[in-house]
């Protein structure tokens, strides 16, 4: 496992290269979280270099108050390359965050998310984007994938995991952490 000294976007290229190489070697899908689009663009480049563009899925966020956070440039590139873009509510917050904000409480899925953050924010994002991609039908059920997430901006974490759908979230299995920040 590679441990980066600091979290953040300065680790994006190395994380995506490592993830794409491993996905290629193991014949796995590569599932990459991207909110604004820069990580999506870099993921396309890494997947092309490894010859796995047909096994790449990008997972983003639903529009916030009607505004899509992913750049039009990134969306256009994904369409041009035929890379699926899953836009969905975050599997480990979504509706529960809405409730906890309104009701000033905490709920089980948020506890799970905070527990995963003990490893790193990116580990939580890897699990989340795997769930979202599976629920959207963008990846096959029951197969391990290489998932990539990050802390704030960029990608700094890659995991091999077998996602479960949101309705079976506790069946998700993290097999290996390829890289993460300290």
C-alpha atoms as a PDB file:
ATOM      1  CA  UNK A   1       0.000   0.000   0.000  1.00  0.00           C
ATOM      2  CA  UNK A   2       1.209   3.474  -0.845  1.00  0.00           C
ATOM      3  CA  UNK A   3       0.634   6.053   1.889  1.00  0.00           C
ATOM      4  CA  UNK A   4       0.713   9.678   0.741  1.00  0.00           C
ATOM      5  CA  UNK A   5       2.059  12.213   3.227  1.00  0.00           C
ATOM      6  CA  UNK A   6      -0.842  14.597   2.599  1.00  0.00           C
ATOM      7  CA  UNK A   7      -4.343  14.208   1.174  1.00  0.00           C
ATOM      8  CA  UNK A   8      -5.411  16.044  -1.942  1.00  0.00           C
ATOM      9  CA  UNK A   9      -5.234  16.580  -5.657  1.00  0.00           C
ATOM     10  CA  UNK A  10      -1.433  16.425  -5.867  1.00  0.00           C
ATOM     11  CA  UNK A  11      -1.877  12.627  -5.584  1.00  0.00           C
ATOM     12  CA  UNK A  12      -4.408  12.332  -8.410  1.00  0.00           C
ATOM     13  CA  UNK A  13      -2.151  11.262 -11.265  1.00  0.00           C
ATOM     14  CA  UNK A  14      -0.303   8.630  -9.213  1.00  0.00           C
ATOM     15  CA  UNK A  15      -3.547   7.297  -7.733  1.00  0.00           C
ATOM     16  CA  UNK A  16      -5.247   6.987 -11.118  1.00  0.00           C
ATOM     17  CA  UNK A  17      -2.205   5.397 -12.751  1.00  0.00           C
ATOM     18  CA  UNK A  18      -1.946   2.823  -9.956  1.00  0.00           C
ATOM     19  CA  UNK A  19      -5.695   2.126 -10.069  1.00  0.00           C
ATOM     20  CA  UNK A  20      -5.831   1.796 -13.866  1.00  0.00           C
ATOM     21  CA  UNK A  21      -2.810  -0.507 -13.948  1.00  0.00           C
ATOM     22  CA  UNK A  22      -4.342  -2.747 -11.275  1.00  0.00           C
ATOM     23  CA  UNK A  23      -7.750  -2.775 -12.981  1.00  0.00           C
ATOM     24  CA  UNK A  24      -6.050  -3.749 -16.256  1.00  0.00           C
ATOM     25  CA  UNK A  25      -3.948  -6.481 -14.631  1.00  0.00           C
ATOM     26  CA  UNK A  26      -6.894  -7.997 -12.750  1.00  0.00           C
ATOM     27  CA  UNK A  27      -9.497  -7.489 -15.516  1.00  0.00           C
ATOM     28  CA  UNK A  28     -11.615  -5.341 -13.192  1.00  0.00           C
ATOM     29  CA  UNK A  29     -13.844  -2.342 -13.694  1.00  0.00           C
ATOM     30  CA  UNK A  30     -12.424   1.042 -12.697  1.00  0.00           C
ATOM     31  CA  UNK A  31     -14.946   3.204 -10.823  1.00  0.00           C
ATOM     32  CA  UNK A  32     -13.823   6.790 -10.235  1.00  0.00           C
ATOM     33  CA  UNK A  33     -15.538   9.502  -8.205  1.00  0.00           C
ATOM     34  CA  UNK A  34     -15.441  12.977  -9.710  1.00  0.00           C
ATOM     35  CA  UNK A  35     -17.451  16.004  -8.658  1.00  0.00           C
ATOM     36  CA  UNK A  36     -16.115  18.879 -10.758  1.00  0.00           C
ATOM     37  CA  UNK A  37     -14.610  16.881 -13.602  1.00  0.00           C
ATOM     38  CA  UNK A  38     -10.789  17.125 -13.430  1.00  0.00           C
ATOM     39  CA  UNK A  39     -10.471  13.624 -11.924  1.00  0.00           C
ATOM     40  CA  UNK A  40     -12.834  12.288 -14.600  1.00  0.00           C
ATOM     41  CA  UNK A  41     -10.654  13.746 -17.353  1.00  0.00           C
ATOM     42  CA  UNK A  42      -7.488  12.291 -15.802  1.00  0.00           C
ATOM     43  CA  UNK A  43      -9.240   8.935 -15.303  1.00  0.00           C
ATOM     44  CA  UNK A  44     -10.105   8.790 -19.010  1.00  0.00           C
ATOM     45  CA  UNK A  45      -6.445   9.417 -19.859  1.00  0.00           C
ATOM     46  CA  UNK A  46      -5.212   6.739 -17.417  1.00  0.00           C
ATOM     47  CA  UNK A  47      -7.802   4.226 -18.661  1.00  0.00           C
ATOM     48  CA  UNK A  48      -6.842   4.905 -22.285  1.00  0.00           C
ATOM     49  CA  UNK A  49      -3.151   4.317 -21.515  1.00  0.00           C
ATOM     50  CA  UNK A  50      -4.040   0.959 -19.931  1.00  0.00           C
ATOM     51  CA  UNK A  51      -6.535  -0.014 -22.623  1.00  0.00           C
ATOM     52  CA  UNK A  52      -9.483  -0.245 -20.214  1.00  0.00           C
ATOM     53  CA  UNK A  53     -11.616   2.676 -21.341  1.00  0.00           C
ATOM     54  CA  UNK A  54     -14.472   0.216 -21.898  1.00  0.00           C
ATOM     55  CA  UNK A  55     -14.316  -0.749 -18.186  1.00  0.00           C
ATOM     56  CA  UNK A  56     -14.313   2.802 -16.772  1.00  0.00           C
ATOM     57  CA  UNK A  57     -17.264   4.338 -14.927  1.00  0.00           C
ATOM     58  CA  UNK A  58     -17.336   7.867 -13.521  1.00  0.00           C
ATOM     59  CA  UNK A  59     -19.565   8.598 -10.520  1.00  0.00           C
ATOM     60  CA  UNK A  60     -20.632  12.171  -9.775  1.00  0.00           C
ATOM     61  CA  UNK A  61     -23.131  14.061  -7.691  1.00  0.00           C
ATOM     62  CA  UNK A  62     -26.664  15.077  -8.498  1.00  0.00           C
ATOM     63  CA  UNK A  63     -27.143  18.776  -9.231  1.00  0.00           C
ATOM     64  CA  UNK A  64     -27.197  20.974  -6.140  1.00  0.00           C
ATOM     65  CA  UNK A  65     -30.199  23.311  -6.321  1.00  0.00           C
ATOM     66  CA  UNK A  66     -30.363  22.727 -10.057  1.00  0.00           C
ATOM     67  CA  UNK A  67     -26.659  23.331 -10.741  1.00  0.00           C
ATOM     68  CA  UNK A  68     -24.508  20.463 -12.004  1.00  0.00           C
ATOM     69  CA  UNK A  69     -21.031  20.581 -10.432  1.00  0.00           C
ATOM     70  CA  UNK A  70     -19.294  18.575 -13.162  1.00  0.00           C
ATOM     71  CA  UNK A  71     -17.941  20.780 -15.911  1.00  0.00           C
ATOM     72  CA  UNK A  72     -19.518  20.704 -19.351  1.00  0.00           C
ATOM     73  CA  UNK A  73     -16.041  19.904 -20.750  1.00  0.00           C
ATOM     74  CA  UNK A  74     -15.730  16.752 -18.617  1.00  0.00           C
ATOM     75  CA  UNK A  75     -19.271  15.637 -19.454  1.00  0.00           C
ATOM     76  CA  UNK A  76     -18.636  16.142 -23.171  1.00  0.00           C
ATOM     77  CA  UNK A  77     -15.401  14.111 -23.012  1.00  0.00           C
ATOM     78  CA  UNK A  78     -17.179  11.251 -21.231  1.00  0.00           C
ATOM     79  CA  UNK A  79     -19.949  11.236 -23.849  1.00  0.00           C
ATOM     80  CA  UNK A  80     -17.398  11.362 -26.687  1.00  0.00           C
ATOM     81  CA  UNK A  81     -15.438   8.424 -25.241  1.00  0.00           C
ATOM     82  CA  UNK A  82     -18.554   6.429 -24.342  1.00  0.00           C
ATOM     83  CA  UNK A  83     -17.731   6.383 -20.636  1.00  0.00           C
ATOM     84  CA  UNK A  84     -20.786   5.981 -18.395  1.00  0.00           C
ATOM     85  CA  UNK A  85     -21.459   8.847 -15.992  1.00  0.00           C
ATOM     86  CA  UNK A  86     -23.528   7.946 -12.947  1.00  0.00           C
ATOM     87  CA  UNK A  87     -25.114  10.971 -11.281  1.00  0.00           C
ATOM     88  CA  UNK A  88     -26.824   9.979  -8.041  1.00  0.00           C
ATOM     89  CA  UNK A  89     -27.345  11.017  -4.447  1.00  0.00           C
ATOM     90  CA  UNK A  90     -24.432  10.013  -2.284  1.00  0.00           C
ATOM     91  CA  UNK A  91     -25.094   6.528  -0.995  1.00  0.00           C
ATOM     92  CA  UNK A  92     -23.647   7.221   2.464  1.00  0.00           C
ATOM     93  CA  UNK A  93     -25.332  10.543   3.102  1.00  0.00           C
ATOM     94  CA  UNK A  94     -28.091  11.574   0.698  1.00  0.00           C
ATOM     95  CA  UNK A  95     -31.459  11.504   2.445  1.00  0.00           C
ATOM     96  CA  UNK A  96     -29.974  10.810   5.879  1.00  0.00           C
ATOM     97  CA  UNK A  97     -27.933  14.008   5.794  1.00  0.00           C
ATOM     98  CA  UNK A  98     -31.101  15.910   4.968  1.00  0.00           C
ATOM     99  CA  UNK A  99     -32.789  14.387   8.011  1.00  0.00           C
ATOM    100  CA  UNK A 100     -29.884  14.892  10.383  1.00  0.00           C
ATOM    101  CA  UNK A 101     -29.501  18.515   9.319  1.00  0.00           C
ATOM    102  CA  UNK A 102     -33.200  19.251   9.816  1.00  0.00           C
ATOM    103  CA  UNK A 103     -33.672  17.128  12.933  1.00  0.00           C
ATOM    104  CA  UNK A 104     -30.286  17.774  14.616  1.00  0.00           C
ATOM    105  CA  UNK A 105     -29.493  14.098  15.040  1.00  0.00           C
ATOM    106  CA  UNK A 106     -27.352  11.339  13.628  1.00  0.00           C
ATOM    107  CA  UNK A 107     -28.461   8.256  11.762  1.00  0.00           C
ATOM    108  CA  UNK A 108     -26.938   4.790  11.112  1.00  0.00           C
ATOM    109  CA  UNK A 109     -25.652   5.395   7.576  1.00  0.00           C
ATOM    110  CA  UNK A 110     -23.918   8.582   8.724  1.00  0.00           C
ATOM    111  CA  UNK A 111     -22.266   6.598  11.508  1.00  0.00           C
ATOM    112  CA  UNK A 112     -21.039   4.128   8.876  1.00  0.00           C
ATOM    113  CA  UNK A 113     -19.671   6.984   6.759  1.00  0.00           C
ATOM    114  CA  UNK A 114     -17.849   8.495   9.721  1.00  0.00           C
ATOM    115  CA  UNK A 115     -16.410   5.098  10.608  1.00  0.00           C
ATOM    116  CA  UNK A 116     -15.022   4.662   7.077  1.00  0.00           C
ATOM    117  CA  UNK A 117     -13.511   8.156   7.338  1.00  0.00           C
ATOM    118  CA  UNK A 118     -11.383   6.804  10.207  1.00  0.00           C
ATOM    119  CA  UNK A 119      -9.388   5.071   7.453  1.00  0.00           C
ATOM    120  CA  UNK A 120      -9.637   8.115   5.171  1.00  0.00           C
ATOM    121  CA  UNK A 121     -12.220  10.282   3.472  1.00  0.00           C
ATOM    122  CA  UNK A 122     -11.240   8.580   0.232  1.00  0.00           C
ATOM    123  CA  UNK A 123     -12.028   5.091   1.555  1.00  0.00           C
ATOM    124  CA  UNK A 124     -15.538   6.311   2.354  1.00  0.00           C
ATOM    125  CA  UNK A 125     -15.826   7.741  -1.165  1.00  0.00           C
ATOM    126  CA  UNK A 126     -14.555   4.493  -2.742  1.00  0.00           C
ATOM    127  CA  UNK A 127     -17.251   2.490  -0.966  1.00  0.00           C
ATOM    128  CA  UNK A 128     -19.864   5.095  -1.821  1.00  0.00           C
ATOM    129  CA  UNK A 129     -19.059   5.326  -5.534  1.00  0.00           C
ATOM    130  CA  UNK A 130     -18.979   1.529  -5.804  1.00  0.00           C
ATOM    131  CA  UNK A 131     -22.481   1.354  -4.308  1.00  0.00           C
ATOM    132  CA  UNK A 132     -23.755   4.131  -6.569  1.00  0.00           C
ATOM    133  CA  UNK A 133     -22.308   2.537  -9.732  1.00  0.00           C
ATOM    134  CA  UNK A 134     -23.779  -0.851  -8.818  1.00  0.00           C
ATOM    135  CA  UNK A 135     -27.203   0.571  -7.992  1.00  0.00           C
ATOM    136  CA  UNK A 136     -27.214   2.413 -11.341  1.00  0.00           C
ATOM    137  CA  UNK A 137     -26.437  -0.813 -13.213  1.00  0.00           C
ATOM    138  CA  UNK A 138     -23.137   0.572 -14.548  1.00  0.00           C
ATOM    139  CA  UNK A 139     -21.072  -2.342 -13.182  1.00  0.00           C
ATOM    140  CA  UNK A 140     -21.893  -6.032 -12.787  1.00  0.00           C
ATOM    141  CA  UNK A 141     -23.186  -7.429  -9.511  1.00  0.00           C
ATOM    142  CA  UNK A 142     -20.829  -9.549  -7.418  1.00  0.00           C
ATOM    143  CA  UNK A 143     -17.559  -8.520  -9.080  1.00  0.00           C
ATOM    144  CA  UNK A 144     -14.642  -6.827  -7.372  1.00  0.00           C
ATOM    145  CA  UNK A 145     -13.750  -3.402  -8.796  1.00  0.00           C
ATOM    146  CA  UNK A 146     -10.996  -0.857  -8.347  1.00  0.00           C
ATOM    147  CA  UNK A 147     -12.653   2.213  -6.851  1.00  0.00           C
ATOM    148  CA  UNK A 148     -11.045   5.647  -6.632  1.00  0.00           C
ATOM    149  CA  UNK A 149     -12.008   8.504  -4.339  1.00  0.00           C
ATOM    150  CA  UNK A 150     -10.453  11.477  -2.675  1.00  0.00           C
ATOM    151  CA  UNK A 151     -10.333  14.090   0.003  1.00  0.00           C
ATOM    152  CA  UNK A 152     -11.827  17.408  -1.033  1.00  0.00           C
ATOM    153  CA  UNK A 153     -10.413  17.821  -4.541  1.00  0.00           C
ATOM    154  CA  UNK A 154      -8.671  15.227  -6.664  1.00  0.00           C
ATOM    155  CA  UNK A 155      -8.089  11.536  -6.086  1.00  0.00           C
ATOM    156  CA  UNK A 156      -5.867  10.205  -3.310  1.00  0.00           C
ATOM    157  CA  UNK A 157      -7.348   6.807  -2.472  1.00  0.00           C
ATOM    158  CA  UNK A 158      -7.829   3.572  -4.404  1.00  0.00           C
ATOM    159  CA  UNK A 159      -9.365   0.363  -3.074  1.00  0.00           C
ATOM    160  CA  UNK A 160     -10.277  -3.032  -4.406  1.00  0.00           C
ATOM    161  CA  UNK A 161     -13.770  -3.787  -3.196  1.00  0.00           C
ATOM    162  CA  UNK A 162     -16.861  -5.756  -4.036  1.00  0.00           C
ATOM    163  CA  UNK A 163     -19.730  -3.300  -3.815  1.00  0.00           C
ATOM    164  CA  UNK A 164     -23.184  -4.149  -2.583  1.00  0.00           C
ATOM    165  CA  UNK A 165     -26.284  -2.161  -3.375  1.00  0.00           C
ATOM    166  CA  UNK A 166     -27.437   0.501  -0.949  1.00  0.00           C
ATOM    167  CA  UNK A 167     -30.168  -1.840   0.292  1.00  0.00           C
ATOM    168  CA  UNK A 168     -27.451  -4.364   1.282  1.00  0.00           C
ATOM    169  CA  UNK A 169     -24.705  -1.897   2.214  1.00  0.00           C
ATOM    170  CA  UNK A 170     -23.228  -4.075   4.966  1.00  0.00           C
ATOM    171  CA  UNK A 171     -22.467  -6.762   2.378  1.00  0.00           C
ATOM    172  CA  UNK A 172     -19.884  -4.490   0.720  1.00  0.00           C
ATOM    173  CA  UNK A 173     -16.383  -5.947   1.122  1.00  0.00           C
ATOM    174  CA  UNK A 174     -13.170  -3.938   1.067  1.00  0.00           C
ATOM    175  CA  UNK A 175     -10.447  -6.343  -0.051  1.00  0.00           C
ATOM    176  CA  UNK A 176      -7.408  -4.104  -0.335  1.00  0.00           C
ATOM    177  CA  UNK A 177      -6.403  -0.460   0.002  1.00  0.00           C
ATOM    178  CA  UNK A 178      -3.975   0.339  -2.815  1.00  0.00           C
ATOM    179  CA  UNK A 179      -3.202   3.875  -1.688  1.00  0.00           C
ATOM    180  CA  UNK A 180      -4.473   6.478   0.742  1.00  0.00           C
ATOM    181  CA  UNK A 181      -3.272   9.579   2.551  1.00  0.00           C
ATOM    182  CA  UNK A 182      -1.693   9.386   6.011  1.00  0.00           C
END
